[in-house]
Amino acid sequence: MTKETLSIIQIVLSVLVVIFILLQQKGEGLSGIFGGMGEFYATRRGLEKTIFIITIVLVFLLAASVVAGLFLV
């Protein structure tokens, strides 16, 4: 695998991570970002749980590709 291929993979993974993180946002506009909404505990179910798991897998793959890039000189 070349450095260029690895760079393209890292770019694609990072864009996917951003997209999946943004899909998880539940706040009411900017007030959710700054803590303006009431906090309550709820379990993730269905599509929300699937998106959460996919996000974790994508972050792991991105981290693995970065580590692989360190050894690819």
N, C-alpha and C. Protein backbone atom coordinates (compact mmCIF):
# COMPACT_ATOMS: atom_id res chain seq x y z
N MET A 1 0.86 -1.18 0.00
CA MET A 1 0.00 0.00 0.00
C MET A 1 0.90 1.23 0.00
N THR A 2 0.60 2.15 -0.86
CA THR A 2 1.43 3.36 -0.96
C THR A 2 0.91 4.43 0.00
N LYS A 3 1.74 5.43 0.19
CA LYS A 3 1.37 6.55 1.06
C LYS A 3 0.17 7.30 0.51
N GLU A 4 0.09 7.42 -0.84
CA GLU A 4 -1.02 8.14 -1.46
C GLU A 4 -2.34 7.42 -1.23
N THR A 5 -2.31 6.10 -1.36
CA THR A 5 -3.52 5.30 -1.12
C THR A 5 -3.96 5.43 0.33
N LEU A 6 -3.00 5.36 1.23
CA LEU A 6 -3.31 5.49 2.65
C LEU A 6 -3.87 6.88 2.96
N SER A 7 -3.34 7.90 2.32
CA SER A 7 -3.85 9.26 2.54
C SER A 7 -5.30 9.39 2.07
N ILE A 8 -5.61 8.79 0.93
CA ILE A 8 -6.99 8.83 0.43
C ILE A 8 -7.92 8.09 1.37
N ILE A 9 -7.48 6.94 1.86
CA ILE A 9 -8.29 6.17 2.82
C ILE A 9 -8.53 7.00 4.09
N GLN A 10 -7.51 7.69 4.58
CA GLN A 10 -7.65 8.50 5.79
C GLN A 10 -8.61 9.67 5.56
N ILE A 11 -8.56 10.28 4.38
CA ILE A 11 -9.47 11.39 4.09
C ILE A 11 -10.91 10.89 4.06
N VAL A 12 -11.14 9.77 3.39
CA VAL A 12 -12.49 9.21 3.31
C VAL A 12 -13.00 8.83 4.69
N LEU A 13 -12.16 8.18 5.48
CA LEU A 13 -12.57 7.78 6.84
C LEU A 13 -12.86 9.00 7.70
N SER A 14 -12.05 10.04 7.59
CA SER A 14 -12.28 11.22 8.43
C SER A 14 -13.58 11.93 8.05
N VAL A 15 -13.89 11.99 6.76
CA VAL A 15 -15.16 12.59 6.34
C VAL A 15 -16.33 11.76 6.85
N LEU A 16 -16.22 10.44 6.77
CA LEU A 16 -17.29 9.57 7.27
C LEU A 16 -17.47 9.71 8.78
N VAL A 17 -16.36 9.85 9.52
CA VAL A 17 -16.45 10.03 10.97
C VAL A 17 -17.19 11.33 11.28
N VAL A 18 -16.87 12.40 10.58
CA VAL A 18 -17.54 13.68 10.81
C VAL A 18 -19.04 13.55 10.52
N ILE A 19 -19.38 12.90 9.42
CA ILE A 19 -20.79 12.74 9.06
C ILE A 19 -21.53 11.95 10.12
N PHE A 20 -20.95 10.84 10.56
CA PHE A 20 -21.65 10.01 11.55
C PHE A 20 -21.72 10.68 12.91
N ILE A 21 -20.72 11.48 13.26
CA ILE A 21 -20.81 12.22 14.53
C ILE A 21 -21.91 13.27 14.45
N LEU A 22 -22.02 13.95 13.31
CA LEU A 22 -23.07 14.95 13.16
C LEU A 22 -24.45 14.32 13.15
N LEU A 23 -24.57 13.10 12.69
CA LEU A 23 -25.86 12.41 12.71
C LEU A 23 -26.32 12.10 14.14
N GLN A 24 -25.39 12.09 15.08
CA GLN A 24 -25.73 11.77 16.46
C GLN A 24 -26.17 12.98 17.27
N GLN A 25 -26.02 14.18 16.77
CA GLN A 25 -26.37 15.37 17.53
C GLN A 25 -27.86 15.41 17.83
N LYS A 26 -28.20 15.72 19.08
CA LYS A 26 -29.59 15.75 19.50
C LYS A 26 -30.01 17.08 20.10
N GLY A 27 -29.14 18.05 20.11
CA GLY A 27 -29.42 19.32 20.78
C GLY A 27 -30.46 20.15 20.05
N GLU A 28 -31.00 21.12 20.75
CA GLU A 28 -31.94 22.08 20.18
C GLU A 28 -31.15 23.30 19.72
N GLY A 29 -30.61 23.26 18.52
CA GLY A 29 -29.83 24.38 18.03
C GLY A 29 -28.54 24.54 18.81
N LEU A 30 -28.14 25.79 19.05
CA LEU A 30 -26.90 26.04 19.77
C LEU A 30 -27.03 25.83 21.27
N SER A 31 -28.24 25.82 21.79
CA SER A 31 -28.39 25.63 23.23
C SER A 31 -27.94 24.23 23.65
N GLY A 32 -28.08 23.25 22.77
CA GLY A 32 -27.61 21.90 23.08
C GLY A 32 -26.11 21.81 23.16
N ILE A 33 -25.43 22.63 22.36
CA ILE A 33 -23.97 22.62 22.37
C ILE A 33 -23.44 23.19 23.68
N PHE A 34 -24.07 24.24 24.18
CA PHE A 34 -23.59 24.91 25.38
C PHE A 34 -24.27 24.44 26.66
N GLY A 35 -24.95 23.32 26.62
CA GLY A 35 -25.54 22.76 27.83
C GLY A 35 -26.88 23.34 28.21
N GLY A 36 -27.59 23.92 27.28
CA GLY A 36 -28.86 24.55 27.60
C GLY A 36 -30.04 23.59 27.65
N MET A 37 -29.82 22.35 27.29
CA MET A 37 -30.95 21.41 27.31
C MET A 37 -30.88 20.54 28.56
N GLY A 38 -32.01 20.01 28.96
CA GLY A 38 -32.05 19.14 30.12
C GLY A 38 -31.43 17.80 29.81
N GLU A 39 -30.64 17.30 30.72
CA GLU A 39 -29.97 16.03 30.52
C GLU A 39 -30.80 14.91 31.13
N PHE A 40 -30.91 13.82 30.39
CA PHE A 40 -31.58 12.63 30.92
C PHE A 40 -30.93 11.42 30.32
N TYR A 41 -31.03 10.29 31.03
CA TYR A 41 -30.40 9.06 30.58
C TYR A 41 -31.37 8.29 29.71
N ALA A 42 -30.92 7.89 28.54
CA ALA A 42 -31.74 7.07 27.66
C ALA A 42 -30.82 6.09 26.93
N THR A 43 -31.26 4.88 26.77
CA THR A 43 -30.45 3.90 26.05
C THR A 43 -30.60 4.10 24.56
N ARG A 44 -29.57 3.74 23.84
CA ARG A 44 -29.61 3.83 22.39
C ARG A 44 -30.32 2.60 21.85
N ARG A 45 -31.19 2.80 20.89
CA ARG A 45 -31.93 1.69 20.30
C ARG A 45 -32.02 1.87 18.80
N GLY A 46 -32.13 0.77 18.10
CA GLY A 46 -32.39 0.78 16.67
C GLY A 46 -31.32 1.47 15.86
N LEU A 47 -31.74 2.39 15.01
CA LEU A 47 -30.84 3.09 14.10
C LEU A 47 -29.81 3.92 14.87
N GLU A 48 -30.22 4.50 15.97
CA GLU A 48 -29.30 5.31 16.78
C GLU A 48 -28.14 4.47 17.29
N LYS A 49 -28.42 3.25 17.73
CA LYS A 49 -27.37 2.36 18.22
C LYS A 49 -26.47 1.92 17.07
N THR A 50 -27.05 1.67 15.90
CA THR A 50 -26.27 1.27 14.74
C THR A 50 -25.32 2.38 14.31
N ILE A 51 -25.80 3.61 14.28
CA ILE A 51 -24.96 4.75 13.91
C ILE A 51 -23.83 4.92 14.93
N PHE A 52 -24.13 4.72 16.20
CA PHE A 52 -23.13 4.82 17.26
C PHE A 52 -22.03 3.78 17.08
N ILE A 53 -22.40 2.55 16.80
CA ILE A 53 -21.43 1.47 16.61
C ILE A 53 -20.60 1.71 15.36
N ILE A 54 -21.24 2.14 14.27
CA ILE A 54 -20.51 2.43 13.04
C ILE A 54 -19.49 3.54 13.28
N THR A 55 -19.86 4.55 14.07
CA THR A 55 -18.95 5.64 14.39
C THR A 55 -17.72 5.13 15.12
N ILE A 56 -17.93 4.25 16.09
CA ILE A 56 -16.80 3.68 16.84
C ILE A 56 -15.89 2.89 15.92
N VAL A 57 -16.47 2.09 15.03
CA VAL A 57 -15.67 1.29 14.10
C VAL A 57 -14.87 2.20 13.16
N LEU A 58 -15.51 3.26 12.66
CA LEU A 58 -14.82 4.18 11.76
C LEU A 58 -13.66 4.89 12.46
N VAL A 59 -13.86 5.29 13.71
CA VAL A 59 -12.79 5.95 14.47
C VAL A 59 -11.64 4.98 14.69
N PHE A 60 -11.95 3.72 15.00
CA PHE A 60 -10.91 2.70 15.18
C PHE A 60 -10.13 2.49 13.88
N LEU A 61 -10.85 2.41 12.74
CA LEU A 61 -10.17 2.23 11.45
C LEU A 61 -9.31 3.43 11.10
N LEU A 62 -9.79 4.63 11.41
CA LEU A 62 -9.00 5.83 11.16
C LEU A 62 -7.73 5.83 12.01
N ALA A 63 -7.85 5.49 13.27
CA ALA A 63 -6.68 5.42 14.15
C ALA A 63 -5.70 4.35 13.66
N ALA A 64 -6.22 3.21 13.22
CA ALA A 64 -5.35 2.14 12.72
C ALA A 64 -4.63 2.58 11.45
N SER A 65 -5.31 3.34 10.60
CA SER A 65 -4.66 3.80 9.37
C SER A 65 -3.58 4.84 9.67
N VAL A 66 -3.80 5.63 10.69
CA VAL A 66 -2.77 6.61 11.09
C VAL A 66 -1.54 5.88 11.63
N VAL A 67 -1.76 4.88 12.46
CA VAL A 67 -0.64 4.10 13.00
C VAL A 67 0.08 3.37 11.86
N ALA A 68 -0.67 2.82 10.91
CA ALA A 68 -0.06 2.14 9.77
C ALA A 68 0.75 3.13 8.95
N GLY A 69 0.29 4.37 8.85
CA GLY A 69 1.03 5.39 8.12
C GLY A 69 2.36 5.74 8.78
N LEU A 70 2.42 5.60 10.08
CA LEU A 70 3.67 5.87 10.79
C LEU A 70 4.75 4.85 10.44
N PHE A 71 4.32 3.61 10.21
CA PHE A 71 5.28 2.55 9.90
C PHE A 71 5.57 2.44 8.42
N LEU A 72 4.79 3.10 7.58
CA LEU A 72 4.98 3.08 6.14
C LEU A 72 5.86 4.26 5.75
N VAL A 73 7.13 4.01 5.65
CA VAL A 73 8.08 5.10 5.37
C VAL A 73 8.56 5.06 3.95
